[in-house]
Amino acid sequence: MAGRRFTSQEIDAALEAWQAGVSIADVCRRHGVSEATLYRWRSTRCDAPPPPAGPAASEARELRRVRSELVVTAAACDALRLVVGELLDPQQRERAARLIEAHFRMSARRARSVVGLPPRKAGT
């Protein structure tokens, strides 16, 4: 069974996205092609330079790594909030907020938010 034929504009769009720094996996997914096809297109079009390398590529990799860590950290934070909310009574949460505030040099408002307590009313 023959595969789909891509127009010259579709090929150019995929190569331009790759050249702009989009990862090869994302380009392949968005345009519905395999990595091998994308590499073949690049090799047959002499006007398409290779994808970026050096500092720009390493910065892009680092950005992807940091974003991935952020997602994992946010999930862990949400899980801890759930556990604290379920296992600690309000008095224990107050104590935990004070401990977090002192240990991490965090504002009282932020520390209370971390353990699932509402902000204090003004003057209390």
C-alpha atoms as a PDB file:
ATOM      1  CA  MET A   1       0.000   0.000   0.000  1.00  0.00           C
ATOM      2  CA  ALA A   2       1.441   3.341  -1.037  1.00  0.00           C
ATOM      3  CA  GLY A   3       1.837   6.045   1.592  1.00  0.00           C
ATOM      4  CA  ARG A   4       0.363   9.502   1.444  1.00  0.00           C
ATOM      5  CA  ARG A   5       1.962  11.998  -0.924  1.00  0.00           C
ATOM      6  CA  PHE A   6       2.875  15.325   0.612  1.00  0.00           C
ATOM      7  CA  THR A   7       2.799  18.590  -1.279  1.00  0.00           C
ATOM      8  CA  SER A   8       5.896  20.703  -1.605  1.00  0.00           C
ATOM      9  CA  GLN A   9       4.334  23.253   0.769  1.00  0.00           C
ATOM     10  CA  GLU A  10       3.725  20.566   3.417  1.00  0.00           C
ATOM     11  CA  ILE A  11       7.310  19.356   3.128  1.00  0.00           C
ATOM     12  CA  ASP A  12       8.637  22.923   3.359  1.00  0.00           C
ATOM     13  CA  ALA A  13       6.448  23.618   6.416  1.00  0.00           C
ATOM     14  CA  ALA A  14       7.739  20.517   8.208  1.00  0.00           C
ATOM     15  CA  LEU A  15      11.376  21.322   7.390  1.00  0.00           C
ATOM     16  CA  GLU A  16      10.935  24.960   8.428  1.00  0.00           C
ATOM     17  CA  ALA A  17       9.406  23.929  11.770  1.00  0.00           C
ATOM     18  CA  TRP A  18      12.327  21.590  12.374  1.00  0.00           C
ATOM     19  CA  GLN A  19      14.784  24.315  11.355  1.00  0.00           C
ATOM     20  CA  ALA A  20      13.078  26.743  13.777  1.00  0.00           C
ATOM     21  CA  GLY A  21      14.043  24.470  16.674  1.00  0.00           C
ATOM     22  CA  VAL A  22      10.925  22.338  17.145  1.00  0.00           C
ATOM     23  CA  SER A  23      11.966  18.833  18.197  1.00  0.00           C
ATOM     24  CA  ILE A  24      11.933  16.195  15.499  1.00  0.00           C
ATOM     25  CA  ALA A  25       9.359  14.154  17.441  1.00  0.00           C
ATOM     26  CA  ASP A  26       6.972  17.135  17.569  1.00  0.00           C
ATOM     27  CA  VAL A  27       7.457  17.893  13.861  1.00  0.00           C
ATOM     28  CA  CYS A  28       6.777  14.268  12.944  1.00  0.00           C
ATOM     29  CA  ARG A  29       3.673  14.128  15.130  1.00  0.00           C
ATOM     30  CA  ARG A  30       2.237  17.426  13.851  1.00  0.00           C
ATOM     31  CA  HIS A  31       2.851  16.627  10.187  1.00  0.00           C
ATOM     32  CA  GLY A  32       2.113  12.899  10.313  1.00  0.00           C
ATOM     33  CA  VAL A  33       5.481  11.666   9.018  1.00  0.00           C
ATOM     34  CA  SER A  34       8.202   9.381  10.304  1.00  0.00           C
ATOM     35  CA  GLU A  35      11.643  10.571  11.355  1.00  0.00           C
ATOM     36  CA  ALA A  36      13.155   8.699   8.426  1.00  0.00           C
ATOM     37  CA  THR A  37      10.918  10.584   5.995  1.00  0.00           C
ATOM     38  CA  LEU A  38      11.855  13.904   7.550  1.00  0.00           C
ATOM     39  CA  TYR A  39      15.564  13.104   7.292  1.00  0.00           C
ATOM     40  CA  ARG A  40      15.093  11.985   3.665  1.00  0.00           C
ATOM     41  CA  TRP A  41      13.296  15.228   2.821  1.00  0.00           C
ATOM     42  CA  ARG A  42      16.140  17.207   4.368  1.00  0.00           C
ATOM     43  CA  SER A  43      18.779  15.276   2.434  1.00  0.00           C
ATOM     44  CA  THR A  44      16.977  15.683  -0.907  1.00  0.00           C
ATOM     45  CA  ARG A  45      16.447  19.417  -0.523  1.00  0.00           C
ATOM     46  CA  CYS A  46      19.836  21.039  -0.802  1.00  0.00           C
ATOM     47  CA  ASP A  47      18.433  24.445   0.211  1.00  0.00           C
ATOM     48  CA  ALA A  48      17.395  23.143   3.646  1.00  0.00           C
ATOM     49  CA  PRO A  49      20.296  23.496   6.107  1.00  0.00           C
ATOM     50  CA  PRO A  50      20.635  21.033   8.974  1.00  0.00           C
ATOM     51  CA  PRO A  51      18.671  21.634  12.162  1.00  0.00           C
ATOM     52  CA  PRO A  52      20.211  23.972  14.723  1.00  0.00           C
ATOM     53  CA  ALA A  53      23.080  22.685  16.785  1.00  0.00           C
ATOM     54  CA  GLY A  54      25.314  24.118  19.427  1.00  0.00           C
ATOM     55  CA  PRO A  55      24.108  26.596  22.058  1.00  0.00           C
ATOM     56  CA  ALA A  56      20.576  27.018  20.688  1.00  0.00           C
ATOM     57  CA  ALA A  57      19.962  23.264  20.613  1.00  0.00           C
ATOM     58  CA  SER A  58      21.443  22.732  24.079  1.00  0.00           C
ATOM     59  CA  GLU A  59      19.342  25.603  25.458  1.00  0.00           C
ATOM     60  CA  ALA A  60      16.229  24.023  23.945  1.00  0.00           C
ATOM     61  CA  ARG A  61      17.112  20.662  25.540  1.00  0.00           C
ATOM     62  CA  GLU A  62      17.719  22.333  28.894  1.00  0.00           C
ATOM     63  CA  LEU A  63      14.392  24.167  28.652  1.00  0.00           C
ATOM     64  CA  ARG A  64      12.579  20.883  27.934  1.00  0.00           C
ATOM     65  CA  ARG A  65      14.352  19.244  30.902  1.00  0.00           C
ATOM     66  CA  VAL A  66      13.436  22.070  33.272  1.00  0.00           C
ATOM     67  CA  ARG A  67       9.815  22.068  32.085  1.00  0.00           C
ATOM     68  CA  SER A  68       9.639  18.325  32.679  1.00  0.00           C
ATOM     69  CA  GLU A  69      11.035  18.752  36.195  1.00  0.00           C
ATOM     70  CA  LEU A  70       8.498  21.505  36.849  1.00  0.00           C
ATOM     71  CA  VAL A  71       5.620  19.212  35.895  1.00  0.00           C
ATOM     72  CA  VAL A  72       6.915  16.466  38.212  1.00  0.00           C
ATOM     73  CA  THR A  73       7.475  18.933  41.059  1.00  0.00           C
ATOM     74  CA  ALA A  74       4.003  20.437  40.665  1.00  0.00           C
ATOM     75  CA  ALA A  75       2.452  16.965  40.789  1.00  0.00           C
ATOM     76  CA  ALA A  76       4.427  16.114  43.936  1.00  0.00           C
ATOM     77  CA  CYS A  77       3.322  19.383  45.543  1.00  0.00           C
ATOM     78  CA  ASP A  78      -0.324  18.660  44.720  1.00  0.00           C
ATOM     79  CA  ALA A  79       0.028  15.154  46.169  1.00  0.00           C
ATOM     80  CA  LEU A  80       1.532  16.484  49.403  1.00  0.00           C
ATOM     81  CA  ARG A  81      -1.241  19.078  49.737  1.00  0.00           C
ATOM     82  CA  LEU A  82      -3.803  16.307  49.382  1.00  0.00           C
ATOM     83  CA  VAL A  83      -2.104  14.176  52.044  1.00  0.00           C
ATOM     84  CA  VAL A  84      -1.715  17.107  54.455  1.00  0.00           C
ATOM     85  CA  GLY A  85      -5.344  18.072  53.931  1.00  0.00           C
ATOM     86  CA  GLU A  86      -6.558  14.549  54.629  1.00  0.00           C
ATOM     87  CA  LEU A  87      -4.295  13.547  57.520  1.00  0.00           C
ATOM     88  CA  LEU A  88      -3.783  16.696  59.585  1.00  0.00           C
ATOM     89  CA  ASP A  89      -6.397  18.427  61.693  1.00  0.00           C
ATOM     90  CA  PRO A  90      -6.551  22.257  61.602  1.00  0.00           C
ATOM     91  CA  GLN A  91      -4.338  22.667  64.680  1.00  0.00           C
ATOM     92  CA  GLN A  92      -1.657  20.424  63.153  1.00  0.00           C
ATOM     93  CA  ARG A  93      -1.893  22.367  59.892  1.00  0.00           C
ATOM     94  CA  GLU A  94      -1.304  25.629  61.802  1.00  0.00           C
ATOM     95  CA  ARG A  95       1.802  24.110  63.382  1.00  0.00           C
ATOM     96  CA  ALA A  96       2.983  22.802  59.996  1.00  0.00           C
ATOM     97  CA  ALA A  97       2.499  26.264  58.461  1.00  0.00           C
ATOM     98  CA  ARG A  98       4.622  27.870  61.194  1.00  0.00           C
ATOM     99  CA  LEU A  99       7.312  25.218  60.706  1.00  0.00           C
ATOM    100  CA  ILE A 100       7.360  25.765  56.926  1.00  0.00           C
ATOM    101  CA  GLU A 101       7.439  29.535  57.429  1.00  0.00           C
ATOM    102  CA  ALA A 102      10.460  29.327  59.740  1.00  0.00           C
ATOM    103  CA  HIS A 103      12.385  26.568  57.983  1.00  0.00           C
ATOM    104  CA  PHE A 104      11.981  27.774  54.391  1.00  0.00           C
ATOM    105  CA  ARG A 105      11.807  31.515  55.166  1.00  0.00           C
ATOM    106  CA  MET A 106       8.434  31.644  53.481  1.00  0.00           C
ATOM    107  CA  SER A 107       5.739  34.233  54.098  1.00  0.00           C
ATOM    108  CA  ALA A 108       2.968  33.239  56.493  1.00  0.00           C
ATOM    109  CA  ARG A 109       0.411  33.623  53.711  1.00  0.00           C
ATOM    110  CA  ARG A 110       2.326  31.266  51.385  1.00  0.00           C
ATOM    111  CA  ALA A 111       3.054  28.742  54.157  1.00  0.00           C
ATOM    112  CA  ARG A 112      -0.641  28.613  55.066  1.00  0.00           C
ATOM    113  CA  SER A 113      -1.503  28.101  51.407  1.00  0.00           C
ATOM    114  CA  VAL A 114       0.939  25.189  51.161  1.00  0.00           C
ATOM    115  CA  VAL A 115      -0.813  23.287  53.954  1.00  0.00           C
ATOM    116  CA  GLY A 116      -4.292  24.154  52.717  1.00  0.00           C
ATOM    117  CA  LEU A 117      -5.197  26.866  55.221  1.00  0.00           C
ATOM    118  CA  PRO A 118      -6.922  30.103  54.231  1.00  0.00           C
ATOM    119  CA  PRO A 119      -5.010  33.368  54.705  1.00  0.00           C
ATOM    120  CA  ARG A 120      -5.314  34.960  58.122  1.00  0.00           C
ATOM    121  CA  LYS A 121      -7.735  37.821  58.540  1.00  0.00           C
ATOM    122  CA  ALA A 122      -6.126  41.219  59.008  1.00  0.00           C
ATOM    123  CA  GLY A 123      -5.374  41.968  62.660  1.00  0.00           C
ATOM    124  CA  THR A 124      -5.215  38.336  63.857  1.00  0.00           C
END
